[in-house]
PDB file of N, CA and C in Angstrom:
ATOM      1  N   UNK A   1      84.172 118.366  57.497  1.00  0.00           N
ATOM      2  CA  UNK A   1      84.876 117.090  57.511  1.00  0.00           C
ATOM      3  C   UNK A   1      86.662 117.814  57.510  1.00  0.00           C
ATOM      4  N   UNK A   2      87.316 118.201  56.884  1.00  0.00           N
ATOM      5  CA  UNK A   2      88.165 118.333  56.145  1.00  0.00           C
ATOM      6  C   UNK A   2      88.978 118.960  57.979  1.00  0.00           C
ATOM      7  N   UNK A   3      88.304 119.179  58.509  1.00  0.00           N
ATOM      8  CA  UNK A   3      89.056 119.724  59.854  1.00  0.00           C
ATOM      9  C   UNK A   3      89.410 118.751  60.999  1.00  0.00           C
ATOM     10  N   UNK A   4      88.836 117.317  60.419  1.00  0.00           N
ATOM     11  CA  UNK A   4      88.363 116.542  61.211  1.00  0.00           C
ATOM     12  C   UNK A   4      89.219 114.952  60.617  1.00  0.00           C
ATOM     13  N   UNK A   5      89.695 115.313  59.898  1.00  0.00           N
ATOM     14  CA  UNK A   5      90.234 114.044  58.831  1.00  0.00           C
ATOM     15  C   UNK A   5      91.917 114.680  59.474  1.00  0.00           C
ATOM     16  N   UNK A   6      92.593 116.050  60.048  1.00  0.00           N
ATOM     17  CA  UNK A   6      93.853 116.110  59.613  1.00  0.00           C
ATOM     18  C   UNK A   6      93.931 117.046  60.693  1.00  0.00           C
ATOM     19  N   UNK A   7      95.077 117.082  60.833  1.00  0.00           N
ATOM     20  CA  UNK A   7      95.543 118.528  62.064  1.00  0.00           C
ATOM     21  C   UNK A   7      95.680 119.500  61.315  1.00  0.00           C
ATOM     22  N   UNK A   8      94.989 121.088  62.149  1.00  0.00           N
ATOM     23  CA  UNK A   8      94.918 122.235  61.545  1.00  0.00           C
ATOM     24  C   UNK A   8      94.851 122.904  61.858  1.00  0.00           C
ATOM     25  N   UNK A   9      95.541 124.116  61.821  1.00  0.00           N
ATOM     26  CA  UNK A   9      95.607 125.597  62.395  1.00  0.00           C
ATOM     27  C   UNK A   9      94.385 126.112  62.196  1.00  0.00           C
ATOM     28  N   UNK A  10      93.877 127.598  62.756  1.00  0.00           N
ATOM     29  CA  UNK A  10      92.400 127.907  62.500  1.00  0.00           C
ATOM     30  C   UNK A  10      92.419 129.156  62.031  1.00  0.00           C
ATOM     31  N   UNK A  11      91.937 129.692  61.330  1.00  0.00           N
ATOM     32  CA  UNK A  11      92.595 130.754  61.493  1.00  0.00           C
ATOM     33  C   UNK A  11      93.610 131.087  59.645  1.00  0.00           C
ATOM     34  N   UNK A  12      93.273 130.045  59.069  1.00  0.00           N
ATOM     35  CA  UNK A  12      93.892 130.452  58.076  1.00  0.00           C
ATOM     36  C   UNK A  12      93.589 131.209  56.743  1.00  0.00           C
ATOM     37  N   UNK A  13      92.433 131.235  56.949  1.00  0.00           N
ATOM     38  CA  UNK A  13      92.208 132.537  55.616  1.00  0.00           C
ATOM     39  C   UNK A  13      92.985 133.496  55.908  1.00  0.00           C
ATOM     40  N   UNK A  14      94.089 134.445  54.147  1.00  0.00           N
ATOM     41  CA  UNK A  14      93.024 134.079  53.848  1.00  0.00           C
ATOM     42  C   UNK A  14      93.630 133.344  52.317  1.00  0.00           C
ATOM     43  N   UNK A  15      94.872 132.001  53.419  1.00  0.00           N
ATOM     44  CA  UNK A  15      96.336 131.492  53.002  1.00  0.00           C
ATOM     45  C   UNK A  15      95.402 129.908  53.157  1.00  0.00           C
ATOM     46  N   UNK A  16      93.993 129.122  52.813  1.00  0.00           N
ATOM     47  CA  UNK A  16      94.211 127.992  53.139  1.00  0.00           C
ATOM     48  C   UNK A  16      94.402 127.727  51.952  1.00  0.00           C
ATOM     49  N   UNK A  17      94.262 127.776  51.355  1.00  0.00           N
ATOM     50  CA  UNK A  17      94.637 127.095  49.493  1.00  0.00           C
ATOM     51  C   UNK A  17      96.767 126.999  50.078  1.00  0.00           C
ATOM     52  N   UNK A  18      97.203 127.637  50.073  1.00  0.00           N
ATOM     53  CA  UNK A  18      98.691 127.557  50.402  1.00  0.00           C
ATOM     54  C   UNK A  18      99.005 126.574  51.498  1.00  0.00           C
ATOM     55  N   UNK A  19      98.049 126.993  52.077  1.00  0.00           N
ATOM     56  CA  UNK A  19      98.579 126.058  53.576  1.00  0.00           C
ATOM     57  C   UNK A  19      97.714 124.511  53.773  1.00  0.00           C
ATOM     58  N   UNK A  20      97.051 123.927  52.514  1.00  0.00           N
ATOM     59  CA  UNK A  20      96.751 123.031  51.818  1.00  0.00           C
ATOM     60  C   UNK A  20      98.403 122.201  51.143  1.00  0.00           C
ATOM     61  N   UNK A  21      98.728 123.232  50.215  1.00  0.00           N
ATOM     62  CA  UNK A  21      99.759 122.885  49.714  1.00  0.00           C
ATOM     63  C   UNK A  21     100.542 122.564  50.856  1.00  0.00           C
ATOM     64  N   UNK A  22     101.180 123.079  51.470  1.00  0.00           N
ATOM     65  CA  UNK A  22     102.012 123.003  52.542  1.00  0.00           C
ATOM     66  C   UNK A  22     101.690 121.696  53.062  1.00  0.00           C
ATOM     67  N   UNK A  23     100.967 121.291  53.519  1.00  0.00           N
ATOM     68  CA  UNK A  23     100.633 120.010  54.482  1.00  0.00           C
ATOM     69  C   UNK A  23     100.227 119.261  53.049  1.00  0.00           C
ATOM     70  N   UNK A  24     100.141 118.681  52.388  1.00  0.00           N
ATOM     71  CA  UNK A  24      99.459 117.656  51.852  1.00  0.00           C
ATOM     72  C   UNK A  24     100.132 117.749  50.321  1.00  0.00           C
ATOM     73  N   UNK A  25     101.420 117.927  49.794  1.00  0.00           N
ATOM     74  CA  UNK A  25     101.962 117.529  48.972  1.00  0.00           C
ATOM     75  C   UNK A  25     101.988 115.862  49.007  1.00  0.00           C
ATOM     76  N   UNK A  26     102.425 115.117  50.000  1.00  0.00           N
ATOM     77  CA  UNK A  26     102.925 113.850  49.778  1.00  0.00           C
ATOM     78  C   UNK A  26     101.584 112.850  49.746  1.00  0.00           C
ATOM     79  N   UNK A  27     100.652 113.022  50.428  1.00  0.00           N
ATOM     80  CA  UNK A  27      99.977 112.275  50.658  1.00  0.00           C
ATOM     81  C   UNK A  27      99.261 111.508  48.833  1.00  0.00           C
ATOM     82  N   UNK A  28      99.370 110.493  48.817  1.00  0.00           N
ATOM     83  CA  UNK A  28      98.900 110.179  47.100  1.00  0.00           C
ATOM     84  C   UNK A  28      97.473 110.623  46.813  1.00  0.00           C
ATOM     85  N   UNK A  29      97.359 110.783  45.464  1.00  0.00           N
ATOM     86  CA  UNK A  29      95.773 111.294  45.246  1.00  0.00           C
ATOM     87  C   UNK A  29      94.792 110.953  45.388  1.00  0.00           C
ATOM     88  N   UNK A  30      94.765 109.126  46.600  1.00  0.00           N
ATOM     89  CA  UNK A  30      93.635 108.288  46.297  1.00  0.00           C
ATOM     90  C   UNK A  30      93.001 108.812  48.390  1.00  0.00           C
ATOM     91  N   UNK A  31      94.269 108.994  48.453  1.00  0.00           N
ATOM     92  CA  UNK A  31      94.459 109.406  49.871  1.00  0.00           C
ATOM     93  C   UNK A  31      93.664 110.675  50.073  1.00  0.00           C
ATOM     94  N   UNK A  32      94.180 111.742  49.210  1.00  0.00           N
ATOM     95  CA  UNK A  32      93.657 112.869  48.934  1.00  0.00           C
ATOM     96  C   UNK A  32      92.356 113.287  48.856  1.00  0.00           C
ATOM     97  N   UNK A  33      91.130 112.389  47.565  1.00  0.00           N
ATOM     98  CA  UNK A  33      90.462 112.368  47.444  1.00  0.00           C
ATOM     99  C   UNK A  33      89.756 112.854  48.586  1.00  0.00           C
ATOM    100  N   UNK A  34      89.711 111.010  49.847  1.00  0.00           N
ATOM    101  CA  UNK A  34      89.501 110.802  49.730  1.00  0.00           C
ATOM    102  C   UNK A  34      88.919 111.967  51.233  1.00  0.00           C
ATOM    103  N   UNK A  35      90.069 112.292  51.750  1.00  0.00           N
ATOM    104  CA  UNK A  35      89.791 113.282  53.069  1.00  0.00           C
ATOM    105  C   UNK A  35      89.031 114.503  52.432  1.00  0.00           C
ATOM    106  N   UNK A  36      90.008 114.673  51.745  1.00  0.00           N
ATOM    107  CA  UNK A  36      88.753 116.264  51.326  1.00  0.00           C
ATOM    108  C   UNK A  36      87.328 115.948  50.716  1.00  0.00           C
ATOM    109  N   UNK A  37      87.146 115.033  50.126  1.00  0.00           N
ATOM    110  CA  UNK A  37      85.970 114.828  49.893  1.00  0.00           C
ATOM    111  C   UNK A  37      85.587 114.034  49.804  1.00  0.00           C
ATOM    112  N   UNK A  38      85.922 112.504  49.826  1.00  0.00           N
ATOM    113  CA  UNK A  38      85.180 111.322  49.876  1.00  0.00           C
ATOM    114  C   UNK A  38      84.629 111.238  50.218  1.00  0.00           C
ATOM    115  N   UNK A  39      85.250 111.839  51.747  1.00  0.00           N
ATOM    116  CA  UNK A  39      84.453 111.007  53.373  1.00  0.00           C
ATOM    117  C   UNK A  39      83.296 111.394  53.240  1.00  0.00           C
ATOM    118  N   UNK A  40      83.382 112.995  52.944  1.00  0.00           N
ATOM    119  CA  UNK A  40      81.994 113.855  53.290  1.00  0.00           C
ATOM    120  C   UNK A  40      81.007 113.301  52.387  1.00  0.00           C
ATOM    121  N   UNK A  41      81.294 113.406  51.096  1.00  0.00           N
ATOM    122  CA  UNK A  41      80.244 112.669  50.102  1.00  0.00           C
ATOM    123  C   UNK A  41      79.720 111.574  50.341  1.00  0.00           C
ATOM    124  N   UNK A  42      80.133 110.596  50.894  1.00  0.00           N
ATOM    125  CA  UNK A  42      79.865 109.033  51.450  1.00  0.00           C
ATOM    126  C   UNK A  42      78.845 109.432  52.847  1.00  0.00           C
ATOM    127  N   UNK A  43      79.640 110.486  53.451  1.00  0.00           N
ATOM    128  CA  UNK A  43      78.738 110.733  55.096  1.00  0.00           C
ATOM    129  C   UNK A  43      77.451 110.826  54.369  1.00  0.00           C
ATOM    130  N   UNK A  44      77.699 112.643  54.039  1.00  0.00           N
ATOM    131  CA  UNK A  44      75.947 113.398  53.789  1.00  0.00           C
ATOM    132  C   UNK A  44      75.634 113.024  52.547  1.00  0.00           C
ATOM    133  N   UNK A  45      75.913 111.714  51.564  1.00  0.00           N
ATOM    134  CA  UNK A  45      75.869 111.449  50.281  1.00  0.00           C
ATOM    135  C   UNK A  45      74.680 112.888  49.544  1.00  0.00           C
ATOM    136  N   UNK A  46      76.529 113.199  48.947  1.00  0.00           N
ATOM    137  CA  UNK A  46      76.090 114.289  48.556  1.00  0.00           C
ATOM    138  C   UNK A  46      76.684 113.550  47.334  1.00  0.00           C
ATOM    139  N   UNK A  47      76.521 114.446  46.016  1.00  0.00           N
ATOM    140  CA  UNK A  47      76.983 114.484  45.099  1.00  0.00           C
ATOM    141  C   UNK A  47      78.328 115.004  44.251  1.00  0.00           C
ATOM    142  N   UNK A  48      79.396 114.315  44.000  1.00  0.00           N
ATOM    143  CA  UNK A  48      80.144 114.844  43.905  1.00  0.00           C
ATOM    144  C   UNK A  48      80.392 116.091  42.722  1.00  0.00           C
ATOM    145  N   UNK A  49      79.398 115.168  41.195  1.00  0.00           N
ATOM    146  CA  UNK A  49      79.583 115.195  40.099  1.00  0.00           C
ATOM    147  C   UNK A  49      78.668 116.601  40.258  1.00  0.00           C
ATOM    148  N   UNK A  50      77.317 116.824  40.836  1.00  0.00           N
ATOM    149  CA  UNK A  50      77.395 118.097  41.330  1.00  0.00           C
ATOM    150  C   UNK A  50      78.273 119.382  42.123  1.00  0.00           C
ATOM    151  N   UNK A  51      78.979 118.496  42.463  1.00  0.00           N
ATOM    152  CA  UNK A  51      79.741 119.695  43.497  1.00  0.00           C
ATOM    153  C   UNK A  51      80.878 120.373  42.661  1.00  0.00           C
ATOM    154  N   UNK A  52      80.744 119.712  41.789  1.00  0.00           N
ATOM    155  CA  UNK A  52      82.331 119.838  41.032  1.00  0.00           C
ATOM    156  C   UNK A  52      82.477 121.354  40.305  1.00  0.00           C
ATOM    157  N   UNK A  53      81.575 121.719  39.524  1.00  0.00           N
ATOM    158  CA  UNK A  53      81.852 123.462  39.615  1.00  0.00           C
ATOM    159  C   UNK A  53      82.052 123.939  40.968  1.00  0.00           C
ATOM    160  N   UNK A  54      81.421 124.072  41.924  1.00  0.00           N
ATOM    161  CA  UNK A  54      82.025 124.925  42.971  1.00  0.00           C
ATOM    162  C   UNK A  54      83.907 124.444  43.988  1.00  0.00           C
ATOM    163  N   UNK A  55      83.956 123.381  43.549  1.00  0.00           N
ATOM    164  CA  UNK A  55      85.324 122.568  43.846  1.00  0.00           C
ATOM    165  C   UNK A  55      86.185 122.912  43.154  1.00  0.00           C
ATOM    166  N   UNK A  56      85.668 123.479  41.736  1.00  0.00           N
ATOM    167  CA  UNK A  56      87.031 123.833  41.021  1.00  0.00           C
ATOM    168  C   UNK A  56      87.036 125.980  40.796  1.00  0.00           C
ATOM    169  N   UNK A  57      85.835 125.858  41.320  1.00  0.00           N
ATOM    170  CA  UNK A  57      86.050 128.131  41.643  1.00  0.00           C
ATOM    171  C   UNK A  57      86.716 127.745  43.239  1.00  0.00           C
ATOM    172  N   UNK A  58      86.675 127.038  44.152  1.00  0.00           N
ATOM    173  CA  UNK A  58      86.963 126.544  45.356  1.00  0.00           C
ATOM    174  C   UNK A  58      87.605 126.359  45.764  1.00  0.00           C
ATOM    175  N   UNK A  59      88.161 125.666  45.093  1.00  0.00           N
ATOM    176  CA  UNK A  59      89.570 123.991  45.361  1.00  0.00           C
ATOM    177  C   UNK A  59      89.846 123.952  47.370  1.00  0.00           C
ATOM    178  N   UNK A  60      90.896 124.199  46.993  1.00  0.00           N
ATOM    179  CA  UNK A  60      92.205 123.804  46.062  1.00  0.00           C
ATOM    180  C   UNK A  60      91.863 122.454  45.406  1.00  0.00           C
ATOM    181  N   UNK A  61      92.512 121.985  43.746  1.00  0.00           N
ATOM    182  CA  UNK A  61      92.486 120.704  43.353  1.00  0.00           C
ATOM    183  C   UNK A  61      93.545 120.402  43.144  1.00  0.00           C
ATOM    184  N   UNK A  62      93.755 119.209  43.234  1.00  0.00           N
ATOM    185  CA  UNK A  62      95.194 117.879  43.734  1.00  0.00           C
ATOM    186  C   UNK A  62      95.781 118.082  43.315  1.00  0.00           C
ATOM    187  N   UNK A  63      95.984 118.732  42.223  1.00  0.00           N
ATOM    188  CA  UNK A  63      96.980 118.880  41.339  1.00  0.00           C
ATOM    189  C   UNK A  63      98.101 119.797  41.839  1.00  0.00           C
ATOM    190  N   UNK A  64      97.074 121.331  42.217  1.00  0.00           N
ATOM    191  CA  UNK A  64      98.163 122.101  43.220  1.00  0.00           C
ATOM    192  C   UNK A  64      98.322 121.710  44.237  1.00  0.00           C
ATOM    193  N   UNK A  65      97.831 120.411  44.896  1.00  0.00           N
ATOM    194  CA  UNK A  65      98.331 119.934  46.324  1.00  0.00           C
ATOM    195  C   UNK A  65     100.198 119.363  46.087  1.00  0.00           C
ATOM    196  N   UNK A  66      99.804 118.590  45.171  1.00  0.00           N
ATOM    197  CA  UNK A  66     100.933 117.915  44.627  1.00  0.00           C
ATOM    198  C   UNK A  66     102.414 118.282  44.052  1.00  0.00           C
ATOM    199  N   UNK A  67     102.166 120.003  44.177  1.00  0.00           N
ATOM    200  CA  UNK A  67     103.278 120.672  43.691  1.00  0.00           C
ATOM    201  C   UNK A  67     103.836 121.747  44.872  1.00  0.00           C
ATOM    202  N   UNK A  68     104.682 121.549  45.639  1.00  0.00           N
ATOM    203  CA  UNK A  68     104.983 121.974  46.971  1.00  0.00           C
ATOM    204  C   UNK A  68     105.573 123.932  46.426  1.00  0.00           C
ATOM    205  N   UNK A  69     104.828 125.043  47.427  1.00  0.00           N
ATOM    206  CA  UNK A  69     104.917 126.335  47.295  1.00  0.00           C
ATOM    207  C   UNK A  69     105.812 126.603  46.710  1.00  0.00           C
ATOM    208  N   UNK A  70     106.409 127.541  45.547  1.00  0.00           N
ATOM    209  CA  UNK A  70     107.926 127.947  45.048  1.00  0.00           C
ATOM    210  C   UNK A  70     108.159 128.932  46.583  1.00  0.00           C
ATOM    211  N   UNK A  71     107.183 129.298  46.840  1.00  0.00           N
ATOM    212  CA  UNK A  71     107.399 130.624  47.944  1.00  0.00           C
ATOM    213  C   UNK A  71     106.371 131.000  48.622  1.00  0.00           C
ATOM    214  N   UNK A  72     106.662 131.728  49.749  1.00  0.00           N
ATOM    215  CA  UNK A  72     105.899 132.101  50.456  1.00  0.00           C
ATOM    216  C   UNK A  72     104.747 133.464  49.856  1.00  0.00           C
ATOM    217  N   UNK A  73     103.561 133.854  50.643  1.00  0.00           N
ATOM    218  CA  UNK A  73     103.451 135.432  50.024  1.00  0.00           C
ATOM    219  C   UNK A  73     103.824 135.772  51.317  1.00  0.00           C
ATOM    220  N   UNK A  74     104.575 136.738  50.450  1.00  0.00           N
ATOM    221  CA  UNK A  74     105.002 138.170  51.174  1.00  0.00           C
ATOM    222  C   UNK A  74     104.215 139.012  52.981  1.00  0.00           C
ATOM    223  N   UNK A  75     102.247 138.482  52.768  1.00  0.00           N
ATOM    224  CA  UNK A  75     101.960 139.025  54.094  1.00  0.00           C
ATOM    225  C   UNK A  75     101.545 137.554  54.335  1.00  0.00           C
ATOM    226  N   UNK A  76     102.060 136.350  54.556  1.00  0.00           N
ATOM    227  CA  UNK A  76     101.898 135.313  55.342  1.00  0.00           C
ATOM    228  C   UNK A  76     101.320 135.274  56.167  1.00  0.00           C
ATOM    229  N   UNK A  77      99.791 135.224  56.762  1.00  0.00           N
ATOM    230  CA  UNK A  77     100.137 135.097  58.026  1.00  0.00           C
ATOM    231  C   UNK A  77     100.817 133.637  59.203  1.00  0.00           C
ATOM    232  N   UNK A  78      99.942 133.385  60.212  1.00  0.00           N
ATOM    233  CA  UNK A  78     100.824 132.686  60.728  1.00  0.00           C
ATOM    234  C   UNK A  78     100.873 131.248  60.986  1.00  0.00           C
ATOM    235  N   UNK A  79      99.607 131.010  60.273  1.00  0.00           N
ATOM    236  CA  UNK A  79      98.994 129.544  60.410  1.00  0.00           C
ATOM    237  C   UNK A  79      99.462 129.063  59.308  1.00  0.00           C
ATOM    238  N   UNK A  80     100.141 129.922  58.071  1.00  0.00           N
ATOM    239  CA  UNK A  80     101.149 129.795  57.191  1.00  0.00           C
ATOM    240  C   UNK A  80     102.120 129.944  57.333  1.00  0.00           C
ATOM    241  N   UNK A  81     102.859 130.080  57.739  1.00  0.00           N
ATOM    242  CA  UNK A  81     103.876 130.158  58.217  1.00  0.00           C
ATOM    243  C   UNK A  81     104.592 129.004  59.556  1.00  0.00           C
ATOM    244  N   UNK A  82     103.271 128.545  60.074  1.00  0.00           N
ATOM    245  CA  UNK A  82     103.332 127.583  60.538  1.00  0.00           C
ATOM    246  C   UNK A  82     103.491 126.160  60.192  1.00  0.00           C
ATOM    247  N   UNK A  83     103.371 126.130  58.603  1.00  0.00           N
ATOM    248  CA  UNK A  83     103.326 124.700  58.025  1.00  0.00           C
ATOM    249  C   UNK A  83     104.545 125.335  57.139  1.00  0.00           C
ATOM    250  N   UNK A  84     105.424 125.538  57.316  1.00  0.00           N
ATOM    251  CA  UNK A  84     106.602 125.640  56.735  1.00  0.00           C
ATOM    252  C   UNK A  84     107.244 124.642  57.580  1.00  0.00           C
ATOM    253  N   UNK A  85     107.868 123.554  56.424  1.00  0.00           N
ATOM    254  CA  UNK A  85     108.960 122.284  57.119  1.00  0.00           C
ATOM    255  C   UNK A  85     109.883 123.106  57.576  1.00  0.00           C
ATOM    256  N   UNK A  86     110.444 122.879  58.907  1.00  0.00           N
ATOM    257  CA  UNK A  86     111.783 123.464  59.481  1.00  0.00           C
ATOM    258  C   UNK A  86     113.225 122.150  59.017  1.00  0.00           C
ATOM    259  N   UNK A  87     114.116 122.613  58.528  1.00  0.00           N
ATOM    260  CA  UNK A  87     114.994 122.026  58.121  1.00  0.00           C
ATOM    261  C   UNK A  87     115.936 121.708  59.878  1.00  0.00           C
TER     262      UNK A  87
END
C-alpha cells in the first residue's frame, strides 16, 4: 500500500527507514498515519492494535519521520542518495 501512496524507488533495503525519514519529514502526523497504515487497515480490515507489535519492531515510527537525518550512512545506496534534497 505504501508504494501506491507516494513516489519511491525500488530496492531501498537496507535503508528503507532512512529513505522514509528523508521523504516524510514534512507531512502532518495524521497524513503520515493515513498513508503508512490507515489506508491499508481500512481497505483490508486490519486491526492496527493487533499489528502494533510488528509496527514497533519494523517501523519506522511516526516520531522518527519528523526528525530529519543528521547524516547519511557511509554506505548509503543509490535510492537513499537520490532522496537527499538538493540545494
